[in-house]
PDB file of N, CA and C in Angstrom:
ATOM      1  N   MET A   1     -22.055  40.813 -91.222  1.00  0.00           N
ATOM      2  CA  MET A   1     -21.990  39.405 -90.679  1.00  0.00           C
ATOM      3  C   MET A   1     -20.725  39.084 -90.436  1.00  0.00           C
ATOM      4  N   SER A   2     -20.610  38.419 -88.964  1.00  0.00           N
ATOM      5  CA  SER A   2     -19.333  37.952 -88.696  1.00  0.00           C
ATOM      6  C   SER A   2     -19.038  36.699 -89.899  1.00  0.00           C
ATOM      7  N   LEU A   3     -17.978  36.645 -90.013  1.00  0.00           N
ATOM      8  CA  LEU A   3     -17.034  35.107 -90.440  1.00  0.00           C
ATOM      9  C   LEU A   3     -17.723  33.896 -89.853  1.00  0.00           C
ATOM     10  N   SER A   4     -17.586  33.811 -89.001  1.00  0.00           N
ATOM     11  CA  SER A   4     -18.286  32.560 -88.105  1.00  0.00           C
ATOM     12  C   SER A   4     -19.721  32.420 -88.196  1.00  0.00           C
ATOM     13  N   LYS A   5     -20.166  33.316 -89.197  1.00  0.00           N
ATOM     14  CA  LYS A   5     -21.594  33.105 -89.613  1.00  0.00           C
ATOM     15  C   LYS A   5     -21.468  32.223 -91.010  1.00  0.00           C
ATOM     16  N   LYS A   6     -20.581  32.417 -91.442  1.00  0.00           N
ATOM     17  CA  LYS A   6     -20.707  32.161 -93.233  1.00  0.00           C
ATOM     18  C   LYS A   6     -19.456  30.695 -93.256  1.00  0.00           C
ATOM     19  N   HIS A   7     -18.705  30.984 -92.270  1.00  0.00           N
ATOM     20  CA  HIS A   7     -17.477  29.565 -92.510  1.00  0.00           C
ATOM     21  C   HIS A   7     -17.010  29.143 -91.078  1.00  0.00           C
ATOM     22  N   TYR A   8     -16.673  27.911 -91.200  1.00  0.00           N
ATOM     23  CA  TYR A   8     -16.566  27.449 -89.500  1.00  0.00           C
ATOM     24  C   TYR A   8     -14.989  28.107 -89.421  1.00  0.00           C
ATOM     25  N   VAL A   9     -14.707  28.785 -88.124  1.00  0.00           N
ATOM     26  CA  VAL A   9     -13.846  29.238 -87.653  1.00  0.00           C
ATOM     27  C   VAL A   9     -12.949  28.267 -86.577  1.00  0.00           C
ATOM     28  N   SER A  10     -12.244  27.599 -86.652  1.00  0.00           N
ATOM     29  CA  SER A  10     -11.387  26.786 -85.556  1.00  0.00           C
ATOM     30  C   SER A  10     -11.143  27.485 -84.368  1.00  0.00           C
ATOM     31  N   PRO A  11     -11.870  26.961 -83.269  1.00  0.00           N
ATOM     32  CA  PRO A  11     -10.982  27.759 -81.869  1.00  0.00           C
ATOM     33  C   PRO A  11      -9.975  27.430 -81.978  1.00  0.00           C
ATOM     34  N   TYR A  12      -9.624  26.298 -82.244  1.00  0.00           N
ATOM     35  CA  TYR A  12      -8.004  25.949 -82.078  1.00  0.00           C
ATOM     36  C   TYR A  12      -6.991  27.049 -82.860  1.00  0.00           C
ATOM     37  N   LEU A  13      -7.405  27.294 -84.143  1.00  0.00           N
ATOM     38  CA  LEU A  13      -6.600  28.555 -84.541  1.00  0.00           C
ATOM     39  C   LEU A  13      -6.648  29.840 -83.672  1.00  0.00           C
ATOM     40  N   ILE A  14      -7.615  30.363 -83.370  1.00  0.00           N
ATOM     41  CA  ILE A  14      -7.783  31.429 -82.449  1.00  0.00           C
ATOM     42  C   ILE A  14      -6.717  31.081 -81.847  1.00  0.00           C
ATOM     43  N   ALA A  15      -6.528  29.985 -80.424  1.00  0.00           N
ATOM     44  CA  ALA A  15      -6.082  29.883 -79.471  1.00  0.00           C
ATOM     45  C   ALA A  15      -4.803  30.062 -79.601  1.00  0.00           C
ATOM     46  N   VAL A  16      -3.976  29.405 -81.407  1.00  0.00           N
ATOM     47  CA  VAL A  16      -3.038  29.759 -81.465  1.00  0.00           C
ATOM     48  C   VAL A  16      -2.654  31.014 -81.433  1.00  0.00           C
ATOM     49  N   ILE A  17      -3.908  31.998 -82.058  1.00  0.00           N
ATOM     50  CA  ILE A  17      -3.417  33.343 -82.279  1.00  0.00           C
ATOM     51  C   ILE A  17      -3.035  34.181 -81.042  1.00  0.00           C
ATOM     52  N   TYR A  18      -3.605  33.501 -80.150  1.00  0.00           N
ATOM     53  CA  TYR A  18      -3.858  34.158 -78.909  1.00  0.00           C
ATOM     54  C   TYR A  18      -2.495  33.821 -78.001  1.00  0.00           C
ATOM     55  N   THR A  19      -1.891  32.390 -78.054  1.00  0.00           N
ATOM     56  CA  THR A  19      -0.664  32.064 -77.887  1.00  0.00           C
ATOM     57  C   THR A  19       0.757  33.312 -78.072  1.00  0.00           C
ATOM     58  N   SER A  20      -0.065  33.752 -79.658  1.00  0.00           N
ATOM     59  CA  SER A  20       1.422  34.499 -80.532  1.00  0.00           C
ATOM     60  C   SER A  20       1.279  35.883 -79.622  1.00  0.00           C
ATOM     61  N   LEU A  21       0.074  35.871 -78.757  1.00  0.00           N
ATOM     62  CA  LEU A  21      -0.129  37.403 -78.685  1.00  0.00           C
ATOM     63  C   LEU A  21       0.161  37.248 -76.568  1.00  0.00           C
ATOM     64  N   ALA A  22       1.065  35.808 -76.400  1.00  0.00           N
ATOM     65  CA  ALA A  22       1.528  35.450 -74.997  1.00  0.00           C
ATOM     66  C   ALA A  22       0.358  35.945 -74.135  1.00  0.00           C
ATOM     67  N   GLU A  23      -1.200  35.554 -74.362  1.00  0.00           N
ATOM     68  CA  GLU A  23      -2.451  35.454 -73.455  1.00  0.00           C
ATOM     69  C   GLU A  23      -2.762  34.354 -73.329  1.00  0.00           C
ATOM     70  N   LYS A  24      -2.018  33.308 -72.556  1.00  0.00           N
ATOM     71  CA  LYS A  24      -1.959  32.444 -71.741  1.00  0.00           C
ATOM     72  C   LYS A  24      -3.350  32.133 -71.420  1.00  0.00           C
ATOM     73  N   ASN A  25      -4.046  32.419 -70.758  1.00  0.00           N
ATOM     74  CA  ASN A  25      -5.658  32.475 -70.503  1.00  0.00           C
ATOM     75  C   ASN A  25      -6.419  32.315 -71.249  1.00  0.00           C
ATOM     76  N   THR A  26      -6.099  33.199 -71.740  1.00  0.00           N
ATOM     77  CA  THR A  26      -7.446  33.008 -73.171  1.00  0.00           C
ATOM     78  C   THR A  26      -7.262  31.891 -73.984  1.00  0.00           C
ATOM     79  N   THR A  27      -5.650  31.775 -74.321  1.00  0.00           N
ATOM     80  CA  THR A  27      -5.523  30.326 -75.024  1.00  0.00           C
ATOM     81  C   THR A  27      -6.000  29.365 -74.891  1.00  0.00           C
ATOM     82  N   PHE A  28      -6.053  29.075 -73.011  1.00  0.00           N
ATOM     83  CA  PHE A  28      -6.712  27.797 -72.704  1.00  0.00           C
ATOM     84  C   PHE A  28      -7.964  27.879 -72.700  1.00  0.00           C
ATOM     85  N   GLU A  29      -9.038  28.691 -72.935  1.00  0.00           N
ATOM     86  CA  GLU A  29     -10.401  29.404 -73.053  1.00  0.00           C
ATOM     87  C   GLU A  29     -10.375  28.773 -74.260  1.00  0.00           C
ATOM     88  N   TRP A  30      -9.726  29.294 -75.596  1.00  0.00           N
ATOM     89  CA  TRP A  30     -10.039  28.957 -76.942  1.00  0.00           C
ATOM     90  C   TRP A  30      -9.639  27.265 -77.030  1.00  0.00           C
ATOM     91  N   LEU A  31      -8.516  26.531 -76.181  1.00  0.00           N
ATOM     92  CA  LEU A  31      -8.658  25.340 -76.623  1.00  0.00           C
ATOM     93  C   LEU A  31      -9.783  24.349 -76.149  1.00  0.00           C
ATOM     94  N   GLU A  32     -10.146  25.060 -74.817  1.00  0.00           N
ATOM     95  CA  GLU A  32     -11.268  24.495 -74.098  1.00  0.00           C
ATOM     96  C   GLU A  32     -12.197  24.254 -75.476  1.00  0.00           C
ATOM     97  N   LYS A  33     -12.562  25.423 -75.802  1.00  0.00           N
ATOM     98  CA  LYS A  33     -13.921  25.298 -76.449  1.00  0.00           C
ATOM     99  C   LYS A  33     -13.379  24.545 -77.992  1.00  0.00           C
ATOM    100  N   ALA A  34     -12.219  25.086 -78.566  1.00  0.00           N
ATOM    101  CA  ALA A  34     -12.055  23.952 -79.172  1.00  0.00           C
ATOM    102  C   ALA A  34     -12.057  22.018 -79.246  1.00  0.00           C
ATOM    103  N   PHE A  35     -12.589  21.568 -77.725  1.00  0.00           N
ATOM    104  CA  PHE A  35     -11.927  20.324 -77.381  1.00  0.00           C
ATOM    105  C   PHE A  35     -13.740  20.259 -77.276  1.00  0.00           C
ATOM    106  N   GLU A  36     -14.427  21.183 -76.831  1.00  0.00           N
ATOM    107  CA  GLU A  36     -16.190  21.345 -76.735  1.00  0.00           C
ATOM    108  C   GLU A  36     -16.256  20.787 -77.833  1.00  0.00           C
ATOM    109  N   ALA A  37     -15.528  21.526 -79.088  1.00  0.00           N
ATOM    110  CA  ALA A  37     -16.670  21.352 -80.817  1.00  0.00           C
ATOM    111  C   ALA A  37     -15.827  20.622 -81.393  1.00  0.00           C
ATOM    112  N   ARG A  38     -15.036  19.549 -80.897  1.00  0.00           N
ATOM    113  CA  ARG A  38     -14.108  18.607 -80.838  1.00  0.00           C
ATOM    114  C   ARG A  38     -13.685  18.688 -82.474  1.00  0.00           C
ATOM    115  N   ASP A  39     -12.863  19.535 -82.504  1.00  0.00           N
ATOM    116  CA  ASP A  39     -11.789  20.663 -83.448  1.00  0.00           C
ATOM    117  C   ASP A  39     -11.036  19.319 -84.058  1.00  0.00           C
ATOM    118  N   PRO A  40     -11.252  19.363 -85.348  1.00  0.00           N
ATOM    119  CA  PRO A  40     -10.111  18.226 -85.737  1.00  0.00           C
ATOM    120  C   PRO A  40      -8.724  18.862 -85.707  1.00  0.00           C
ATOM    121  N   TYR A  41      -8.534  19.947 -85.711  1.00  0.00           N
ATOM    122  CA  TYR A  41      -7.037  20.755 -85.629  1.00  0.00           C
ATOM    123  C   TYR A  41      -6.336  20.746 -84.334  1.00  0.00           C
ATOM    124  N   LEU A  42      -7.100  19.971 -83.435  1.00  0.00           N
ATOM    125  CA  LEU A  42      -6.896  19.215 -81.685  1.00  0.00           C
ATOM    126  C   LEU A  42      -5.463  18.166 -81.893  1.00  0.00           C
ATOM    127  N   ILE A  43      -5.621  17.423 -82.906  1.00  0.00           N
ATOM    128  CA  ILE A  43      -4.658  16.349 -83.604  1.00  0.00           C
ATOM    129  C   ILE A  43      -2.759  16.694 -83.415  1.00  0.00           C
ATOM    130  N   TYR A  44      -3.047  18.293 -83.602  1.00  0.00           N
ATOM    131  CA  TYR A  44      -1.573  19.104 -83.230  1.00  0.00           C
ATOM    132  C   TYR A  44      -1.047  19.140 -82.286  1.00  0.00           C
ATOM    133  N   LEU A  45      -1.954  19.183 -81.386  1.00  0.00           N
ATOM    134  CA  LEU A  45      -1.447  19.460 -80.010  1.00  0.00           C
ATOM    135  C   LEU A  45      -0.228  19.120 -79.636  1.00  0.00           C
ATOM    136  N   ARG A  46       0.481  18.175 -79.641  1.00  0.00           N
ATOM    137  CA  ARG A  46       1.824  17.380 -79.621  1.00  0.00           C
ATOM    138  C   ARG A  46       2.796  17.978 -80.675  1.00  0.00           C
ATOM    139  N   VAL A  47       2.733  18.883 -81.909  1.00  0.00           N
ATOM    140  CA  VAL A  47       3.288  18.804 -82.289  1.00  0.00           C
ATOM    141  C   VAL A  47       3.920  20.785 -82.878  1.00  0.00           C
ATOM    142  N   GLU A  48       2.630  20.996 -82.394  1.00  0.00           N
ATOM    143  CA  GLU A  48       2.319  22.485 -82.852  1.00  0.00           C
ATOM    144  C   GLU A  48       3.708  23.200 -82.178  1.00  0.00           C
ATOM    145  N   PRO A  49       4.729  24.014 -82.615  1.00  0.00           N
ATOM    146  CA  PRO A  49       5.875  24.497 -82.302  1.00  0.00           C
ATOM    147  C   PRO A  49       5.213  25.751 -81.199  1.00  0.00           C
ATOM    148  N   VAL A  50       3.954  26.201 -81.842  1.00  0.00           N
ATOM    149  CA  VAL A  50       3.507  27.586 -81.317  1.00  0.00           C
ATOM    150  C   VAL A  50       3.190  27.377 -80.167  1.00  0.00           C
ATOM    151  N   LEU A  51       3.041  26.220 -79.409  1.00  0.00           N
ATOM    152  CA  LEU A  51       1.907  25.890 -78.045  1.00  0.00           C
ATOM    153  C   LEU A  51       3.264  25.605 -77.200  1.00  0.00           C
ATOM    154  N   ASP A  52       4.879  25.360 -77.303  1.00  0.00           N
ATOM    155  CA  ASP A  52       5.876  25.228 -76.854  1.00  0.00           C
ATOM    156  C   ASP A  52       6.029  25.681 -75.441  1.00  0.00           C
ATOM    157  N   GLY A  53       5.527  26.829 -75.153  1.00  0.00           N
ATOM    158  CA  GLY A  53       5.083  27.461 -74.206  1.00  0.00           C
ATOM    159  C   GLY A  53       3.848  27.689 -72.858  1.00  0.00           C
ATOM    160  N   LEU A  54       3.281  26.352 -73.310  1.00  0.00           N
ATOM    161  CA  LEU A  54       1.955  25.914 -72.583  1.00  0.00           C
ATOM    162  C   LEU A  54       2.277  24.667 -72.137  1.00  0.00           C
ATOM    163  N   ARG A  55       3.231  23.687 -72.758  1.00  0.00           N
ATOM    164  CA  ARG A  55       3.961  22.479 -72.413  1.00  0.00           C
ATOM    165  C   ARG A  55       3.953  21.946 -70.611  1.00  0.00           C
ATOM    166  N   ALA A  56       4.563  22.935 -70.233  1.00  0.00           N
ATOM    167  CA  ALA A  56       4.775  22.905 -68.963  1.00  0.00           C
ATOM    168  C   ALA A  56       3.494  23.284 -67.782  1.00  0.00           C
ATOM    169  N   ASP A  57       2.450  23.386 -68.811  1.00  0.00           N
ATOM    170  CA  ASP A  57       1.426  23.853 -67.442  1.00  0.00           C
ATOM    171  C   ASP A  57       0.221  22.928 -67.369  1.00  0.00           C
ATOM    172  N   PRO A  58      -0.182  22.578 -66.405  1.00  0.00           N
ATOM    173  CA  PRO A  58      -0.665  21.291 -66.202  1.00  0.00           C
ATOM    174  C   PRO A  58      -2.352  21.250 -66.911  1.00  0.00           C
ATOM    175  N   ARG A  59      -2.350  22.566 -67.394  1.00  0.00           N
ATOM    176  CA  ARG A  59      -3.841  22.495 -68.308  1.00  0.00           C
ATOM    177  C   ARG A  59      -3.354  21.843 -69.519  1.00  0.00           C
ATOM    178  N   PHE A  60      -2.076  21.904 -70.058  1.00  0.00           N
ATOM    179  CA  PHE A  60      -1.901  21.475 -71.001  1.00  0.00           C
ATOM    180  C   PHE A  60      -2.224  19.876 -71.285  1.00  0.00           C
ATOM    181  N   ALA A  61      -1.313  19.502 -70.071  1.00  0.00           N
ATOM    182  CA  ALA A  61      -1.479  18.119 -70.111  1.00  0.00           C
ATOM    183  C   ALA A  61      -2.824  17.531 -69.626  1.00  0.00           C
ATOM    184  N   ASP A  62      -3.593  17.976 -69.261  1.00  0.00           N
ATOM    185  CA  ASP A  62      -4.965  17.363 -69.305  1.00  0.00           C
ATOM    186  C   ASP A  62      -5.986  17.671 -70.599  1.00  0.00           C
ATOM    187  N   LEU A  63      -5.381  18.762 -71.014  1.00  0.00           N
ATOM    188  CA  LEU A  63      -5.898  18.559 -72.410  1.00  0.00           C
ATOM    189  C   LEU A  63      -6.108  17.280 -73.280  1.00  0.00           C
ATOM    190  N   LEU A  64      -4.442  17.584 -73.440  1.00  0.00           N
ATOM    191  CA  LEU A  64      -4.048  16.267 -74.069  1.00  0.00           C
ATOM    192  C   LEU A  64      -4.863  14.789 -74.010  1.00  0.00           C
ATOM    193  N   ARG A  65      -4.546  14.905 -72.166  1.00  0.00           N
ATOM    194  CA  ARG A  65      -5.269  13.552 -71.636  1.00  0.00           C
ATOM    195  C   ARG A  65      -6.905  13.065 -72.202  1.00  0.00           C
ATOM    196  N   ARG A  66      -7.502  14.308 -72.123  1.00  0.00           N
ATOM    197  CA  ARG A  66      -8.535  14.194 -72.655  1.00  0.00           C
ATOM    198  C   ARG A  66      -8.824  13.975 -73.990  1.00  0.00           C
ATOM    199  N   VAL A  67      -7.705  14.812 -74.732  1.00  0.00           N
ATOM    200  CA  VAL A  67      -8.111  14.206 -76.026  1.00  0.00           C
ATOM    201  C   VAL A  67      -7.568  13.057 -76.639  1.00  0.00           C
ATOM    202  N   GLY A  68      -7.103  12.418 -75.766  1.00  0.00           N
ATOM    203  CA  GLY A  68      -6.329  10.996 -75.677  1.00  0.00           C
ATOM    204  C   GLY A  68      -4.860  10.766 -76.663  1.00  0.00           C
ATOM    205  N   LEU A  69      -4.645  12.151 -76.548  1.00  0.00           N
ATOM    206  CA  LEU A  69      -2.834  11.916 -77.270  1.00  0.00           C
ATOM    207  C   LEU A  69      -1.720  11.621 -75.846  1.00  0.00           C
ATOM    208  N   PRO A  70      -0.858  10.927 -76.033  1.00  0.00           N
ATOM    209  CA  PRO A  70       0.142  11.312 -74.826  1.00  0.00           C
ATOM    210  C   PRO A  70       1.022  11.766 -74.288  1.00  0.00           C
ATOM    211  N   PRO A  71       1.202  11.935 -73.259  1.00  0.00           N
ATOM    212  CA  PRO A  71       1.507  13.201 -72.590  1.00  0.00           C
ATOM    213  C   PRO A  71       3.099  13.724 -73.149  1.00  0.00           C
TER     214      PRO A  71
END
């Protein structure tokens, strides 16, 4: 049985893992899932150092806007 069937698995934290693996498009897919799930970890978008490599991407600015965080 998968862990996600027993416990909440944050899409945001999965996105962080993919960022560490330099999988930029997959990271954004998981960040989008985090947004759709209203993942509470999204409050860290502006300060999470692991996401620094995504900040220049227009998709990141769009996500910040939709979450309600300043760019």
